Amino acid sequence: MSIEKSNWNLISNHGLVLICLSNYEGCSMRLIGQMIGITERAVQRIVSDLESSGIIKRERVGRKNSYKINGSVSLRNAVSGYCTIEAFTELFKARMEETESEMNALNHWRIGEHGSEIKFQIKES
């Protein structure tokens, strides 16, 4: 039995952005886009959606934005059993020691022409 590779994800891009904001505090929109495989602009639209839904709150810290997650908000689907955002993000908590090297490696990646593929970019020293 052969398994075909599909082009869809089990978790939506909104969920993936929320997981990234939860796990990688202070991470740039560009880097989140690279981790997920979408454009920086798409991440900005998703963050705007999450903010308007009350799931996250944007705070200005110097020249950067910081995002606080409202963990008490329930997922909006009865099938999810009205699980809270906090319970959802806890499922995907990353160990920062293990993921720091992965995040540093992503700084050398760039999104492809159509945003769907990621190409490795070698930094010259």
N, C-alpha and C. Protein backbone atom coordinates (compact mmCIF):
# COMPACT_ATOMS: atom_id res chain seq x y z
N MET A 1 0.85 -1.18 0.00
CA MET A 1 0.00 0.00 0.00
C MET A 1 0.89 1.24 0.00
N SER A 2 0.74 2.07 -0.99
CA SER A 2 1.56 3.28 -1.06
C SER A 2 0.84 4.45 -0.39
N ILE A 3 1.62 5.27 0.27
CA ILE A 3 1.06 6.44 0.95
C ILE A 3 1.43 7.68 0.14
N GLU A 4 0.41 8.39 -0.31
CA GLU A 4 0.64 9.61 -1.08
C GLU A 4 0.90 10.77 -0.13
N LYS A 5 1.83 11.63 -0.52
CA LYS A 5 2.10 12.82 0.28
C LYS A 5 1.02 13.85 -0.05
N SER A 6 0.39 14.36 1.01
CA SER A 6 -0.69 15.33 0.80
C SER A 6 -0.16 16.75 0.97
N ASN A 7 -0.90 17.71 0.48
CA ASN A 7 -0.52 19.11 0.56
C ASN A 7 -1.27 19.86 1.65
N TRP A 8 -1.92 19.16 2.56
CA TRP A 8 -2.67 19.84 3.61
C TRP A 8 -2.06 19.52 4.97
N ASN A 9 -2.37 20.37 5.93
CA ASN A 9 -1.90 20.20 7.30
C ASN A 9 -3.07 19.85 8.20
N LEU A 10 -2.79 19.10 9.24
CA LEU A 10 -3.82 18.75 10.20
C LEU A 10 -4.23 19.98 11.02
N ILE A 11 -3.27 20.85 11.32
CA ILE A 11 -3.54 22.08 12.08
C ILE A 11 -3.48 23.25 11.10
N SER A 12 -4.43 24.15 11.21
CA SER A 12 -4.48 25.31 10.31
C SER A 12 -3.30 26.24 10.56
N ASN A 13 -3.05 27.14 9.62
CA ASN A 13 -1.99 28.13 9.78
C ASN A 13 -2.25 29.01 10.99
N HIS A 14 -3.52 29.29 11.29
CA HIS A 14 -3.84 30.08 12.48
C HIS A 14 -3.36 29.36 13.74
N GLY A 15 -3.61 28.06 13.81
CA GLY A 15 -3.16 27.28 14.95
C GLY A 15 -1.63 27.21 15.03
N LEU A 16 -0.98 27.07 13.89
CA LEU A 16 0.48 27.02 13.87
C LEU A 16 1.10 28.34 14.30
N VAL A 17 0.53 29.46 13.86
CA VAL A 17 1.04 30.77 14.28
C VAL A 17 0.86 30.92 15.79
N LEU A 18 -0.28 30.51 16.30
CA LEU A 18 -0.53 30.59 17.74
C LEU A 18 0.48 29.75 18.52
N ILE A 19 0.78 28.57 18.02
CA ILE A 19 1.77 27.70 18.67
C ILE A 19 3.14 28.38 18.67
N CYS A 20 3.51 28.99 17.55
CA CYS A 20 4.80 29.68 17.47
C CYS A 20 4.85 30.86 18.43
N LEU A 21 3.79 31.65 18.50
CA LEU A 21 3.76 32.78 19.42
C LEU A 21 3.87 32.32 20.87
N SER A 22 3.30 31.16 21.15
CA SER A 22 3.34 30.60 22.50
C SER A 22 4.73 30.09 22.86
N ASN A 23 5.36 29.40 21.92
CA ASN A 23 6.65 28.76 22.18
C ASN A 23 7.85 29.68 22.02
N TYR A 24 7.77 30.63 21.11
CA TYR A 24 8.94 31.44 20.77
C TYR A 24 8.65 32.91 21.00
N GLU A 25 8.65 33.32 22.26
CA GLU A 25 8.36 34.70 22.61
C GLU A 25 9.40 35.62 21.96
N GLY A 26 8.92 36.67 21.34
CA GLY A 26 9.82 37.64 20.70
C GLY A 26 10.24 37.24 19.30
N CYS A 27 9.71 36.15 18.78
CA CYS A 27 10.06 35.69 17.44
C CYS A 27 9.44 36.63 16.40
N SER A 28 10.18 36.96 15.36
CA SER A 28 9.68 37.87 14.33
C SER A 28 8.64 37.19 13.44
N MET A 29 7.81 38.01 12.81
CA MET A 29 6.80 37.49 11.87
C MET A 29 7.49 36.75 10.71
N ARG A 30 8.60 37.27 10.30
CA ARG A 30 9.34 36.66 9.19
C ARG A 30 9.78 35.25 9.57
N LEU A 31 10.34 35.09 10.77
CA LEU A 31 10.82 33.79 11.20
C LEU A 31 9.67 32.81 11.42
N ILE A 32 8.55 33.31 11.95
CA ILE A 32 7.37 32.45 12.11
C ILE A 32 6.91 31.95 10.74
N GLY A 33 6.88 32.85 9.76
CA GLY A 33 6.52 32.46 8.41
C GLY A 33 7.44 31.40 7.85
N GLN A 34 8.72 31.55 8.10
CA GLN A 34 9.69 30.56 7.62
C GLN A 34 9.50 29.22 8.31
N MET A 35 9.20 29.23 9.60
CA MET A 35 8.98 27.96 10.32
C MET A 35 7.76 27.23 9.77
N ILE A 36 6.71 27.98 9.47
CA ILE A 36 5.45 27.37 9.02
C ILE A 36 5.47 27.11 7.52
N GLY A 37 6.18 27.94 6.79
CA GLY A 37 6.22 27.78 5.33
C GLY A 37 5.22 28.69 4.63
N ILE A 38 4.93 29.85 5.24
CA ILE A 38 4.05 30.84 4.62
C ILE A 38 4.77 32.18 4.61
N THR A 39 4.21 33.15 3.93
CA THR A 39 4.86 34.44 3.83
C THR A 39 4.69 35.26 5.11
N GLU A 40 5.57 36.23 5.28
CA GLU A 40 5.48 37.13 6.43
C GLU A 40 4.16 37.87 6.43
N ARG A 41 3.69 38.28 5.27
CA ARG A 41 2.42 38.99 5.16
C ARG A 41 1.26 38.11 5.60
N ALA A 42 1.30 36.84 5.27
CA ALA A 42 0.24 35.91 5.70
C ALA A 42 0.25 35.78 7.23
N VAL A 43 1.43 35.76 7.83
CA VAL A 43 1.53 35.70 9.29
C VAL A 43 0.92 36.97 9.89
N GLN A 44 1.20 38.12 9.29
CA GLN A 44 0.65 39.38 9.79
C GLN A 44 -0.88 39.36 9.76
N ARG A 45 -1.46 38.83 8.68
CA ARG A 45 -2.92 38.74 8.58
C ARG A 45 -3.49 37.81 9.65
N ILE A 46 -2.81 36.69 9.88
CA ILE A 46 -3.26 35.73 10.89
C ILE A 46 -3.18 36.35 12.28
N VAL A 47 -2.08 37.05 12.57
CA VAL A 47 -1.93 37.72 13.88
C VAL A 47 -3.04 38.74 14.06
N SER A 48 -3.39 39.45 13.00
CA SER A 48 -4.48 40.42 13.05
C SER A 48 -5.81 39.71 13.35
N ASP A 49 -6.05 38.56 12.73
CA ASP A 49 -7.26 37.77 12.99
C ASP A 49 -7.31 37.32 14.46
N LEU A 50 -6.18 36.81 14.95
CA LEU A 50 -6.11 36.33 16.33
C LEU A 50 -6.32 37.48 17.32
N GLU A 51 -5.80 38.65 16.97
CA GLU A 51 -5.96 39.81 17.84
C GLU A 51 -7.41 40.29 17.85
N SER A 52 -8.04 40.35 16.69
CA SER A 52 -9.43 40.81 16.63
C SER A 52 -10.40 39.82 17.29
N SER A 53 -9.98 38.55 17.40
CA SER A 53 -10.80 37.54 18.07
C SER A 53 -10.59 37.53 19.58
N GLY A 54 -9.64 38.31 20.05
CA GLY A 54 -9.36 38.37 21.49
C GLY A 54 -8.47 37.24 21.98
N ILE A 55 -7.89 36.49 21.06
CA ILE A 55 -7.02 35.37 21.45
C ILE A 55 -5.65 35.87 21.88
N ILE A 56 -5.17 36.90 21.21
CA ILE A 56 -3.88 37.49 21.59
C ILE A 56 -4.05 38.99 21.77
N LYS A 57 -3.13 39.58 22.50
CA LYS A 57 -3.11 41.02 22.70
C LYS A 57 -1.72 41.52 22.34
N ARG A 58 -1.68 42.55 21.50
CA ARG A 58 -0.42 43.13 21.05
C ARG A 58 -0.01 44.23 22.01
N GLU A 59 1.26 44.18 22.43
CA GLU A 59 1.82 45.22 23.28
C GLU A 59 3.10 45.73 22.64
N ARG A 60 3.25 47.03 22.64
CA ARG A 60 4.44 47.64 22.06
C ARG A 60 5.54 47.66 23.13
N VAL A 61 6.71 47.08 22.80
CA VAL A 61 7.86 47.08 23.69
C VAL A 61 9.03 47.66 22.90
N GLY A 62 9.30 48.94 23.17
CA GLY A 62 10.34 49.61 22.39
C GLY A 62 9.92 49.72 20.94
N ARG A 63 10.74 49.18 20.06
CA ARG A 63 10.43 49.21 18.62
C ARG A 63 9.76 47.94 18.14
N LYS A 64 9.55 46.99 19.03
CA LYS A 64 8.98 45.70 18.64
C LYS A 64 7.62 45.49 19.29
N ASN A 65 6.88 44.56 18.73
CA ASN A 65 5.60 44.14 19.31
C ASN A 65 5.82 42.88 20.13
N SER A 66 5.10 42.79 21.22
CA SER A 66 5.09 41.59 22.05
C SER A 66 3.64 41.11 22.07
N TYR A 67 3.46 39.81 22.10
CA TYR A 67 2.12 39.25 22.04
C TYR A 67 1.84 38.42 23.28
N LYS A 68 0.75 38.72 23.94
CA LYS A 68 0.30 37.97 25.12
C LYS A 68 -0.90 37.15 24.70
N ILE A 69 -0.89 35.88 25.05
CA ILE A 69 -1.97 34.97 24.67
C ILE A 69 -3.00 34.92 25.79
N ASN A 70 -4.27 35.08 25.42
CA ASN A 70 -5.37 34.98 26.37
C ASN A 70 -5.78 33.50 26.43
N GLY A 71 -5.21 32.79 27.38
CA GLY A 71 -5.42 31.35 27.47
C GLY A 71 -6.81 30.93 27.89
N SER A 72 -7.61 31.85 28.40
CA SER A 72 -8.95 31.48 28.88
C SER A 72 -9.99 31.44 27.76
N VAL A 73 -9.64 31.91 26.58
CA VAL A 73 -10.57 31.88 25.45
C VAL A 73 -10.78 30.42 25.02
N SER A 74 -12.02 30.05 24.74
CA SER A 74 -12.33 28.69 24.29
C SER A 74 -12.23 28.61 22.78
N LEU A 75 -11.83 27.43 22.30
CA LEU A 75 -11.88 27.18 20.86
C LEU A 75 -13.34 27.24 20.45
N ARG A 76 -13.60 27.69 19.23
CA ARG A 76 -14.97 28.01 18.85
C ARG A 76 -15.74 26.85 18.24
N ASN A 77 -15.35 25.62 18.51
CA ASN A 77 -16.00 24.49 17.88
C ASN A 77 -16.46 23.50 18.93
N ALA A 78 -17.70 23.08 18.86
CA ALA A 78 -18.24 22.15 19.84
C ALA A 78 -17.52 20.81 19.81
N VAL A 79 -17.01 20.43 18.65
CA VAL A 79 -16.31 19.16 18.52
C VAL A 79 -15.05 19.15 19.39
N SER A 80 -14.42 20.33 19.56
CA SER A 80 -13.20 20.42 20.37
C SER A 80 -13.50 20.36 21.86
N GLY A 81 -14.76 20.26 22.23
CA GLY A 81 -15.13 20.19 23.64
C GLY A 81 -14.90 21.50 24.35
N TYR A 82 -14.91 22.57 23.58
CA TYR A 82 -14.67 23.91 24.13
C TYR A 82 -13.36 23.96 24.92
N CYS A 83 -12.35 23.33 24.37
CA CYS A 83 -10.99 23.37 24.92
C CYS A 83 -10.50 24.81 24.93
N THR A 84 -9.73 25.20 25.94
CA THR A 84 -9.21 26.56 26.00
C THR A 84 -7.96 26.69 25.15
N ILE A 85 -7.63 27.92 24.82
CA ILE A 85 -6.41 28.22 24.07
C ILE A 85 -5.19 27.74 24.87
N GLU A 86 -5.24 27.93 26.17
CA GLU A 86 -4.12 27.50 27.02
C GLU A 86 -3.90 25.99 26.93
N ALA A 87 -4.97 25.22 26.98
CA ALA A 87 -4.86 23.76 26.87
C ALA A 87 -4.33 23.36 25.50
N PHE A 88 -4.78 24.06 24.46
CA PHE A 88 -4.31 23.78 23.09
C PHE A 88 -2.82 24.03 22.96
N THR A 89 -2.36 25.21 23.42
CA THR A 89 -0.93 25.54 23.26
C THR A 89 -0.05 24.67 24.15
N GLU A 90 -0.57 24.21 25.28
CA GLU A 90 0.20 23.32 26.16
C GLU A 90 0.54 22.01 25.48
N LEU A 91 -0.34 21.57 24.57
CA LEU A 91 -0.08 20.34 23.83
C LEU A 91 1.19 20.42 22.99
N PHE A 92 1.56 21.63 22.62
CA PHE A 92 2.67 21.83 21.70
C PHE A 92 3.83 22.60 22.31
N LYS A 93 3.93 22.59 23.64
CA LYS A 93 5.03 23.29 24.31
C LYS A 93 6.35 22.68 23.86
N ALA A 94 7.24 23.53 23.44
CA ALA A 94 8.56 23.07 23.00
C ALA A 94 9.57 23.28 24.11
N ARG A 95 10.57 22.45 24.11
CA ARG A 95 11.68 22.66 25.03
C ARG A 95 12.64 23.61 24.33
N MET A 96 12.82 24.77 24.92
CA MET A 96 13.60 25.82 24.28
C MET A 96 15.04 25.40 24.00
N GLU A 97 15.64 24.57 24.84
CA GLU A 97 17.02 24.14 24.61
C GLU A 97 17.14 23.39 23.28
N GLU A 98 16.16 22.56 22.98
CA GLU A 98 16.20 21.74 21.78
C GLU A 98 15.86 22.54 20.53
N THR A 99 15.06 23.57 20.66
CA THR A 99 14.59 24.28 19.48
C THR A 99 15.41 25.52 19.14
N GLU A 100 16.28 25.97 20.05
CA GLU A 100 17.08 27.16 19.76
C GLU A 100 17.96 26.95 18.54
N SER A 101 18.60 25.79 18.44
CA SER A 101 19.46 25.53 17.29
C SER A 101 18.64 25.44 16.01
N GLU A 102 17.42 24.91 16.10
CA GLU A 102 16.54 24.85 14.93
C GLU A 102 16.15 26.25 14.48
N MET A 103 15.85 27.13 15.44
CA MET A 103 15.47 28.50 15.11
C MET A 103 16.65 29.23 14.47
N ASN A 104 17.86 29.01 14.99
CA ASN A 104 19.04 29.65 14.41
C ASN A 104 19.26 29.16 12.99
N ALA A 105 19.02 27.88 12.76
CA ALA A 105 19.18 27.34 11.41
C ALA A 105 18.17 27.95 10.45
N LEU A 106 16.97 28.27 10.93
CA LEU A 106 15.95 28.86 10.06
C LEU A 106 16.32 30.26 9.60
N ASN A 107 17.22 30.92 10.30
CA ASN A 107 17.65 32.24 9.86
C ASN A 107 18.37 32.18 8.51
N HIS A 108 18.77 30.98 8.09
CA HIS A 108 19.45 30.82 6.82
C HIS A 108 18.52 30.35 5.71
N TRP A 109 17.22 30.29 5.99
CA TRP A 109 16.24 29.83 5.01
C TRP A 109 15.45 31.02 4.49
N ARG A 110 14.94 30.88 3.28
CA ARG A 110 14.06 31.91 2.75
C ARG A 110 12.89 31.23 2.05
N ILE A 111 11.77 31.92 2.01
CA ILE A 111 10.58 31.37 1.38
C ILE A 111 10.71 31.49 -0.12
N GLY A 112 10.27 30.48 -0.83
CA GLY A 112 10.37 30.46 -2.28
C GLY A 112 9.46 31.48 -2.95
N GLU A 113 9.55 31.53 -4.25
CA GLU A 113 8.85 32.53 -5.05
C GLU A 113 7.35 32.56 -4.79
N HIS A 114 6.73 31.42 -4.61
CA HIS A 114 5.28 31.36 -4.44
C HIS A 114 4.87 31.19 -2.99
N GLY A 115 5.84 31.16 -2.07
CA GLY A 115 5.53 31.04 -0.66
C GLY A 115 5.25 29.63 -0.20
N SER A 116 5.15 28.69 -1.13
CA SER A 116 4.81 27.33 -0.73
C SER A 116 6.04 26.46 -0.52
N GLU A 117 7.15 26.87 -1.10
CA GLU A 117 8.36 26.07 -0.93
C GLU A 117 9.42 26.89 -0.21
N ILE A 118 10.25 26.20 0.53
CA ILE A 118 11.32 26.88 1.26
C ILE A 118 12.64 26.45 0.65
N LYS A 119 13.49 27.39 0.37
CA LYS A 119 14.79 27.10 -0.22
C LYS A 119 15.89 27.47 0.75
N PHE A 120 16.94 26.66 0.78
CA PHE A 120 18.05 26.93 1.68
C PHE A 120 18.94 28.00 1.08
N GLN A 121 19.31 28.96 1.88
CA GLN A 121 20.17 30.05 1.44
C GLN A 121 21.44 30.00 2.27
N ILE A 122 22.58 29.87 1.63
CA ILE A 122 23.85 29.78 2.33
C ILE A 122 24.35 31.18 2.60
N LYS A 123 24.62 31.44 3.89
CA LYS A 123 25.18 32.73 4.28
C LYS A 123 26.68 32.69 4.07
N GLU A 124 27.18 33.66 3.36
CA GLU A 124 28.63 33.72 3.15
C GLU A 124 29.26 34.47 4.30
N SER A 125 30.40 33.98 4.79
CA SER A 125 31.07 34.65 5.90
C SER A 125 32.08 35.66 5.41
